[in-house]
Amino acid sequence: MSYTILLHISGEEAVLGEIEDLPGPQDTSLTVNNPRRKDDKDLSFLHETVTSVVWPMHRVFFIEILPTKEDEDLIGFVRE
């Protein structure tokens, strides 16, 4: 299962991308596929043809896991 994440890196802008598995406590790096800005534009510090980036975990401040389309369809508004 692929996860869409918002990766917050020390001293950089947040990076939107996909990862295959959530990182565990033993992981020292994180591979992000299709890295881009939150507005889906290219990152200025990456070459335009890059499809995957490996970041060391000591540079990662925190990771937001974004809901998938299926998750959004499951949870709806409830009226009482």
PDB file of N, CA and C in Angstrom:
ATOM      1  N   MET A   1       0.839  -1.181   0.000  1.00  0.00           N
ATOM      2  CA  MET A   1       0.000   0.000   0.000  1.00  0.00           C
ATOM      3  C   MET A   1       0.879   1.238   0.000  1.00  0.00           C
ATOM      4  N   SER A   2       0.539   2.177  -0.816  1.00  0.00           N
ATOM      5  CA  SER A   2       1.286   3.422  -0.920  1.00  0.00           C
ATOM      6  C   SER A   2       0.628   4.498  -0.059  1.00  0.00           C
ATOM      7  N   TYR A   3       1.450   5.313   0.592  1.00  0.00           N
ATOM      8  CA  TYR A   3       0.969   6.396   1.442  1.00  0.00           C
ATOM      9  C   TYR A   3       1.373   7.729   0.837  1.00  0.00           C
ATOM     10  N   THR A   4       0.464   8.687   0.834  1.00  0.00           N
ATOM     11  CA  THR A   4       0.792  10.053   0.440  1.00  0.00           C
ATOM     12  C   THR A   4       1.155  10.799   1.710  1.00  0.00           C
ATOM     13  N   ILE A   5       2.320  11.450   1.684  1.00  0.00           N
ATOM     14  CA  ILE A   5       2.809  12.111   2.886  1.00  0.00           C
ATOM     15  C   ILE A   5       3.197  13.555   2.599  1.00  0.00           C
ATOM     16  N   LEU A   6       3.256  14.321   3.660  1.00  0.00           N
ATOM     17  CA  LEU A   6       3.811  15.662   3.632  1.00  0.00           C
ATOM     18  C   LEU A   6       5.011  15.609   4.561  1.00  0.00           C
ATOM     19  N   LEU A   7       6.198  15.692   3.968  1.00  0.00           N
ATOM     20  CA  LEU A   7       7.453  15.517   4.677  1.00  0.00           C
ATOM     21  C   LEU A   7       8.025  16.877   5.054  1.00  0.00           C
ATOM     22  N   HIS A   8       8.248  17.084   6.342  1.00  0.00           N
ATOM     23  CA  HIS A   8       8.818  18.341   6.829  1.00  0.00           C
ATOM     24  C   HIS A   8      10.295  18.099   7.125  1.00  0.00           C
ATOM     25  N   ILE A   9      11.147  18.802   6.379  1.00  0.00           N
ATOM     26  CA  ILE A   9      12.592  18.628   6.465  1.00  0.00           C
ATOM     27  C   ILE A   9      13.183  19.857   7.143  1.00  0.00           C
ATOM     28  N   SER A  10      14.169  19.650   7.999  1.00  0.00           N
ATOM     29  CA  SER A  10      14.813  20.757   8.707  1.00  0.00           C
ATOM     30  C   SER A  10      15.381  21.774   7.718  1.00  0.00           C
ATOM     31  N   GLY A  11      14.940  23.026   7.838  1.00  0.00           N
ATOM     32  CA  GLY A  11      15.476  24.104   7.025  1.00  0.00           C
ATOM     33  C   GLY A  11      14.982  24.163   5.590  1.00  0.00           C
ATOM     34  N   GLU A  12      14.014  23.340   5.207  1.00  0.00           N
ATOM     35  CA  GLU A  12      13.495  23.315   3.834  1.00  0.00           C
ATOM     36  C   GLU A  12      11.979  23.440   3.854  1.00  0.00           C
ATOM     37  N   GLU A  13      11.407  23.687   2.682  1.00  0.00           N
ATOM     38  CA  GLU A  13       9.957  23.708   2.560  1.00  0.00           C
ATOM     39  C   GLU A  13       9.416  22.274   2.620  1.00  0.00           C
ATOM     40  N   ALA A  14       8.159  22.127   2.972  1.00  0.00           N
ATOM     41  CA  ALA A  14       7.541  20.800   3.058  1.00  0.00           C
ATOM     42  C   ALA A  14       7.485  20.151   1.674  1.00  0.00           C
ATOM     43  N   VAL A  15       7.639  18.835   1.654  1.00  0.00           N
ATOM     44  CA  VAL A  15       7.661  18.058   0.416  1.00  0.00           C
ATOM     45  C   VAL A  15       6.484  17.087   0.421  1.00  0.00           C
ATOM     46  N   LEU A  16       5.700  17.128  -0.646  1.00  0.00           N
ATOM     47  CA  LEU A  16       4.596  16.194  -0.842  1.00  0.00           C
ATOM     48  C   LEU A  16       5.108  15.041  -1.693  1.00  0.00           C
ATOM     49  N   GLY A  17       4.735  13.811  -1.346  1.00  0.00           N
ATOM     50  CA  GLY A  17       5.190  12.667  -2.118  1.00  0.00           C
ATOM     51  C   GLY A  17       4.527  11.393  -1.642  1.00  0.00           C
ATOM     52  N   GLU A  18       4.973  10.278  -2.204  1.00  0.00           N
ATOM     53  CA  GLU A  18       4.438   8.978  -1.853  1.00  0.00           C
ATOM     54  C   GLU A  18       5.563   8.099  -1.328  1.00  0.00           C
ATOM     55  N   ILE A  19       5.216   7.244  -0.354  1.00  0.00           N
ATOM     56  CA  ILE A  19       6.149   6.243   0.149  1.00  0.00           C
ATOM     57  C   ILE A  19       5.454   4.894   0.132  1.00  0.00           C
ATOM     58  N   GLU A  20       6.227   3.825   0.009  1.00  0.00           N
ATOM     59  CA  GLU A  20       5.652   2.477  -0.037  1.00  0.00           C
ATOM     60  C   GLU A  20       5.270   1.974   1.341  1.00  0.00           C
ATOM     61  N   ASP A  21       6.126   2.195   2.334  1.00  0.00           N
ATOM     62  CA  ASP A  21       5.888   1.727   3.694  1.00  0.00           C
ATOM     63  C   ASP A  21       6.207   2.850   4.670  1.00  0.00           C
ATOM     64  N   LEU A  22       5.523   2.850   5.806  1.00  0.00           N
ATOM     65  CA  LEU A  22       5.829   3.826   6.843  1.00  0.00           C
ATOM     66  C   LEU A  22       7.177   3.485   7.477  1.00  0.00           C
ATOM     67  N   PRO A  23       7.970   4.502   7.817  1.00  0.00           N
ATOM     68  CA  PRO A  23       9.284   4.219   8.412  1.00  0.00           C
ATOM     69  C   PRO A  23       9.149   3.669   9.825  1.00  0.00           C
ATOM     70  N   GLY A  24      10.068   2.814  10.175  1.00  0.00           N
ATOM     71  CA  GLY A  24      10.112   2.241  11.515  1.00  0.00           C
ATOM     72  C   GLY A  24      11.223   2.885  12.322  1.00  0.00           C
ATOM     73  N   PRO A  25      11.328   2.538  13.591  1.00  0.00           N
ATOM     74  CA  PRO A  25      12.356   3.142  14.439  1.00  0.00           C
ATOM     75  C   PRO A  25      13.779   2.755  14.052  1.00  0.00           C
ATOM     76  N   GLN A  26      13.962   1.671  13.317  1.00  0.00           N
ATOM     77  CA  GLN A  26      15.289   1.232  12.906  1.00  0.00           C
ATOM     78  C   GLN A  26      15.740   1.862  11.590  1.00  0.00           C
ATOM     79  N   ASP A  27      14.854   2.544  10.868  1.00  0.00           N
ATOM     80  CA  ASP A  27      15.182   3.119   9.558  1.00  0.00           C
ATOM     81  C   ASP A  27      16.091   4.340   9.705  1.00  0.00           C
ATOM     82  N   THR A  28      17.069   4.429   8.812  1.00  0.00           N
ATOM     83  CA  THR A  28      17.988   5.559   8.812  1.00  0.00           C
ATOM     84  C   THR A  28      17.765   6.499   7.636  1.00  0.00           C
ATOM     85  N   SER A  29      16.915   6.072   6.691  1.00  0.00           N
ATOM     86  CA  SER A  29      16.611   6.922   5.534  1.00  0.00           C
ATOM     87  C   SER A  29      15.166   6.692   5.100  1.00  0.00           C
ATOM     88  N   LEU A  30      14.676   7.610   4.269  1.00  0.00           N
ATOM     89  CA  LEU A  30      13.297   7.559   3.784  1.00  0.00           C
ATOM     90  C   LEU A  30      13.301   7.836   2.288  1.00  0.00           C
ATOM     91  N   THR A  31      12.738   6.923   1.502  1.00  0.00           N
ATOM     92  CA  THR A  31      12.651   7.098   0.050  1.00  0.00           C
ATOM     93  C   THR A  31      11.280   7.648  -0.299  1.00  0.00           C
ATOM     94  N   VAL A  32      11.265   8.808  -0.960  1.00  0.00           N
ATOM     95  CA  VAL A  32      10.024   9.476  -1.348  1.00  0.00           C
ATOM     96  C   VAL A  32       9.930   9.462  -2.868  1.00  0.00           C
ATOM     97  N   ASN A  33       8.812   8.960  -3.386  1.00  0.00           N
ATOM     98  CA  ASN A  33       8.560   8.943  -4.828  1.00  0.00           C
ATOM     99  C   ASN A  33       7.737  10.166  -5.217  1.00  0.00           C
ATOM    100  N   ASN A  34       7.962  10.666  -6.412  1.00  0.00           N
ATOM    101  CA  ASN A  34       7.272  11.833  -6.960  1.00  0.00           C
ATOM    102  C   ASN A  34       7.322  13.041  -6.011  1.00  0.00           C
ATOM    103  N   PRO A  35       8.510  13.447  -5.571  1.00  0.00           N
ATOM    104  CA  PRO A  35       8.598  14.588  -4.658  1.00  0.00           C
ATOM    105  C   PRO A  35       8.202  15.881  -5.360  1.00  0.00           C
ATOM    106  N   ARG A  36       7.406  16.715  -4.670  1.00  0.00           N
ATOM    107  CA  ARG A  36       6.936  17.974  -5.232  1.00  0.00           C
ATOM    108  C   ARG A  36       6.520  18.894  -4.094  1.00  0.00           C
ATOM    109  N   ARG A  37       6.257  20.148  -4.435  1.00  0.00           N
ATOM    110  CA  ARG A  37       5.764  21.090  -3.438  1.00  0.00           C
ATOM    111  C   ARG A  37       4.297  20.811  -3.151  1.00  0.00           C
ATOM    112  N   LYS A  38       3.769  21.438  -2.113  1.00  0.00           N
ATOM    113  CA  LYS A  38       2.364  21.223  -1.750  1.00  0.00           C
ATOM    114  C   LYS A  38       1.402  21.643  -2.860  1.00  0.00           C
ATOM    115  N   ASP A  39       1.816  22.603  -3.699  1.00  0.00           N
ATOM    116  CA  ASP A  39       0.969  23.059  -4.802  1.00  0.00           C
ATOM    117  C   ASP A  39       1.254  22.290  -6.102  1.00  0.00           C
ATOM    118  N   ASP A  40       1.898  21.124  -5.995  1.00  0.00           N
ATOM    119  CA  ASP A  40       2.219  20.220  -7.112  1.00  0.00           C
ATOM    120  C   ASP A  40       3.233  20.779  -8.099  1.00  0.00           C
ATOM    121  N   LYS A  41       3.971  21.816  -7.746  1.00  0.00           N
ATOM    122  CA  LYS A  41       5.037  22.332  -8.603  1.00  0.00           C
ATOM    123  C   LYS A  41       6.342  21.623  -8.262  1.00  0.00           C
ATOM    124  N   ASP A  42       7.318  21.713  -9.176  1.00  0.00           N
ATOM    125  CA  ASP A  42       8.616  21.086  -8.959  1.00  0.00           C
ATOM    126  C   ASP A  42       9.353  21.757  -7.811  1.00  0.00           C
ATOM    127  N   LEU A  43      10.166  20.973  -7.130  1.00  0.00           N
ATOM    128  CA  LEU A  43      11.010  21.509  -6.070  1.00  0.00           C
ATOM    129  C   LEU A  43      12.210  22.202  -6.702  1.00  0.00           C
ATOM    130  N   SER A  44      12.536  23.377  -6.228  1.00  0.00           N
ATOM    131  CA  SER A  44      13.604  24.170  -6.842  1.00  0.00           C
ATOM    132  C   SER A  44      14.978  23.545  -6.655  1.00  0.00           C
ATOM    133  N   PHE A  45      15.169  22.747  -5.618  1.00  0.00           N
ATOM    134  CA  PHE A  45      16.492  22.174  -5.351  1.00  0.00           C
ATOM    135  C   PHE A  45      16.692  20.790  -5.971  1.00  0.00           C
ATOM    136  N   LEU A  46      15.710  20.297  -6.741  1.00  0.00           N
ATOM    137  CA  LEU A  46      15.835  19.011  -7.425  1.00  0.00           C
ATOM    138  C   LEU A  46      15.792  19.202  -8.936  1.00  0.00           C
ATOM    139  N   HIS A  47      16.485  18.347  -9.649  1.00  0.00           N
ATOM    140  CA  HIS A  47      16.429  18.343 -11.107  1.00  0.00           C
ATOM    141  C   HIS A  47      15.023  17.947 -11.542  1.00  0.00           C
ATOM    142  N   GLU A  48      14.554  18.480 -12.652  1.00  0.00           N
ATOM    143  CA  GLU A  48      13.164  18.263 -13.062  1.00  0.00           C
ATOM    144  C   GLU A  48      12.835  16.819 -13.430  1.00  0.00           C
ATOM    145  N   THR A  49      13.827  15.978 -13.701  1.00  0.00           N
ATOM    146  CA  THR A  49      13.564  14.591 -14.083  1.00  0.00           C
ATOM    147  C   THR A  49      13.648  13.607 -12.914  1.00  0.00           C
ATOM    148  N   VAL A  50      13.883  14.095 -11.707  1.00  0.00           N
ATOM    149  CA  VAL A  50      14.003  13.226 -10.532  1.00  0.00           C
ATOM    150  C   VAL A  50      12.629  12.641 -10.187  1.00  0.00           C
ATOM    151  N   THR A  51      12.589  11.321  -9.948  1.00  0.00           N
ATOM    152  CA  THR A  51      11.332  10.658  -9.584  1.00  0.00           C
ATOM    153  C   THR A  51      11.346  10.123  -8.158  1.00  0.00           C
ATOM    154  N   SER A  52      12.512   9.924  -7.580  1.00  0.00           N
ATOM    155  CA  SER A  52      12.630   9.439  -6.207  1.00  0.00           C
ATOM    156  C   SER A  52      13.809  10.110  -5.524  1.00  0.00           C
ATOM    157  N   VAL A  53      13.636  10.372  -4.219  1.00  0.00           N
ATOM    158  CA  VAL A  53      14.701  10.983  -3.426  1.00  0.00           C
ATOM    159  C   VAL A  53      14.813  10.211  -2.118  1.00  0.00           C
ATOM    160  N   VAL A  54      16.047  10.012  -1.655  1.00  0.00           N
ATOM    161  CA  VAL A  54      16.298   9.356  -0.378  1.00  0.00           C
ATOM    162  C   VAL A  54      16.807  10.422   0.595  1.00  0.00           C
ATOM    163  N   TRP A  55      16.047  10.653   1.675  1.00  0.00           N
ATOM    164  CA  TRP A  55      16.439  11.616   2.690  1.00  0.00           C
ATOM    165  C   TRP A  55      16.893  10.873   3.933  1.00  0.00           C
ATOM    166  N   PRO A  56      17.984  11.314   4.568  1.00  0.00           N
ATOM    167  CA  PRO A  56      18.377  10.704   5.847  1.00  0.00           C
ATOM    168  C   PRO A  56      17.384  11.115   6.931  1.00  0.00           C
ATOM    169  N   MET A  57      17.069  10.199   7.820  1.00  0.00           N
ATOM    170  CA  MET A  57      16.064  10.458   8.849  1.00  0.00           C
ATOM    171  C   MET A  57      16.474  11.573   9.810  1.00  0.00           C
ATOM    172  N   HIS A  58      17.766  11.835   9.970  1.00  0.00           N
ATOM    173  CA  HIS A  58      18.165  12.906  10.885  1.00  0.00           C
ATOM    174  C   HIS A  58      17.796  14.288  10.345  1.00  0.00           C
ATOM    175  N   ARG A  59      17.464  14.397   9.063  1.00  0.00           N
ATOM    176  CA  ARG A  59      17.008  15.658   8.472  1.00  0.00           C
ATOM    177  C   ARG A  59      15.495  15.827   8.539  1.00  0.00           C
ATOM    178  N   VAL A  60      14.758  14.737   8.814  1.00  0.00           N
ATOM    179  CA  VAL A  60      13.298  14.765   8.829  1.00  0.00           C
ATOM    180  C   VAL A  60      12.821  15.275  10.183  1.00  0.00           C
ATOM    181  N   PHE A  61      12.020  16.351  10.140  1.00  0.00           N
ATOM    182  CA  PHE A  61      11.476  16.932  11.364  1.00  0.00           C
ATOM    183  C   PHE A  61      10.233  16.145  11.791  1.00  0.00           C
ATOM    184  N   PHE A  62       9.269  15.998  10.876  1.00  0.00           N
ATOM    185  CA  PHE A  62       8.126  15.121  11.109  1.00  0.00           C
ATOM    186  C   PHE A  62       7.448  14.813   9.785  1.00  0.00           C
ATOM    187  N   ILE A  63       6.539  13.808   9.813  1.00  0.00           N
ATOM    188  CA  ILE A  63       5.853  13.324   8.609  1.00  0.00           C
ATOM    189  C   ILE A  63       4.355  13.380   8.854  1.00  0.00           C
ATOM    190  N   GLU A  64       3.616  14.001   7.941  1.00  0.00           N
ATOM    191  CA  GLU A  64       2.155  13.970   7.983  1.00  0.00           C
ATOM    192  C   GLU A  64       1.679  12.926   6.985  1.00  0.00           C
ATOM    193  N   ILE A  65       0.799  12.045   7.410  1.00  0.00           N
ATOM    194  CA  ILE A  65       0.227  11.029   6.528  1.00  0.00           C
ATOM    195  C   ILE A  65      -1.138  11.536   6.094  1.00  0.00           C
ATOM    196  N   LEU A  66      -1.282  11.795   4.803  1.00  0.00           N
ATOM    197  CA  LEU A  66      -2.513  12.367   4.272  1.00  0.00           C
ATOM    198  C   LEU A  66      -3.534  11.278   3.978  1.00  0.00           C
ATOM    199  N   PRO A  67      -4.816  11.579   4.145  1.00  0.00           N
ATOM    200  CA  PRO A  67      -5.847  10.571   3.878  1.00  0.00           C
ATOM    201  C   PRO A  67      -5.941  10.262   2.382  1.00  0.00           C
ATOM    202  N   THR A  68      -6.295   9.019   2.085  1.00  0.00           N
ATOM    203  CA  THR A  68      -6.503   8.630   0.697  1.00  0.00           C
ATOM    204  C   THR A  68      -7.931   8.962   0.296  1.00  0.00           C
ATOM    205  N   LYS A  69      -8.243   8.838  -0.966  1.00  0.00           N
ATOM    206  CA  LYS A  69      -9.597   9.095  -1.455  1.00  0.00           C
ATOM    207  C   LYS A  69     -10.595   8.146  -0.799  1.00  0.00           C
ATOM    208  N   GLU A  70     -10.203   6.881  -0.592  1.00  0.00           N
ATOM    209  CA  GLU A  70     -11.085   5.913   0.040  1.00  0.00           C
ATOM    210  C   GLU A  70     -11.390   6.300   1.489  1.00  0.00           C
ATOM    211  N   ASP A  71     -10.380   6.809   2.201  1.00  0.00           N
ATOM    212  CA  ASP A  71     -10.584   7.241   3.585  1.00  0.00           C
ATOM    213  C   ASP A  71     -11.558   8.410   3.656  1.00  0.00           C
ATOM    214  N   GLU A  72     -11.446   9.343   2.712  1.00  0.00           N
ATOM    215  CA  GLU A  72     -12.338  10.494   2.704  1.00  0.00           C
ATOM    216  C   GLU A  72     -13.774  10.086   2.411  1.00  0.00           C
ATOM    217  N   ASP A  73     -13.964   9.044   1.586  1.00  0.00           N
ATOM    218  CA  ASP A  73     -15.313   8.571   1.274  1.00  0.00           C
ATOM    219  C   ASP A  73     -15.940   7.827   2.453  1.00  0.00           C
ATOM    220  N   LEU A  74     -15.134   7.183   3.284  1.00  0.00           N
ATOM    221  CA  LEU A  74     -15.640   6.443   4.436  1.00  0.00           C
ATOM    222  C   LEU A  74     -16.201   7.363   5.511  1.00  0.00           C
ATOM    223  N   ILE A  75     -15.539   8.477   5.721  1.00  0.00           N
ATOM    224  CA  ILE A  75     -15.939   9.396   6.794  1.00  0.00           C
ATOM    225  C   ILE A  75     -16.698  10.537   6.176  1.00  0.00           C
ATOM    226  N   GLY A  76     -17.923  10.706   6.577  1.00  0.00           N
ATOM    227  CA  GLY A  76     -18.754  11.798   6.051  1.00  0.00           C
ATOM    228  C   GLY A  76     -19.386  12.565   7.195  1.00  0.00           C
ATOM    229  N   PHE A  77     -20.154  13.537   6.841  1.00  0.00           N
ATOM    230  CA  PHE A  77     -20.840  14.324   7.843  1.00  0.00           C
ATOM    231  C   PHE A  77     -22.046  13.562   8.379  1.00  0.00           C
ATOM    232  N   VAL A  78     -22.291  13.677   9.661  1.00  0.00           N
ATOM    233  CA  VAL A  78     -23.417  13.005  10.316  1.00  0.00           C
ATOM    234  C   VAL A  78     -24.314  14.074  10.926  1.00  0.00           C
ATOM    235  N   ARG A  79     -25.582  14.014  10.602  1.00  0.00           N
ATOM    236  CA  ARG A  79     -26.542  14.954  11.200  1.00  0.00           C
ATOM    237  C   ARG A  79     -27.302  14.247  12.297  1.00  0.00           C
ATOM    238  N   GLU A  80     -27.544  14.970  13.350  1.00  0.00           N
ATOM    239  CA  GLU A  80     -28.339  14.406  14.453  1.00  0.00           C
ATOM    240  C   GLU A  80     -29.646  15.094  14.572  1.00  0.00           C
TER     241      GLU A  80
END
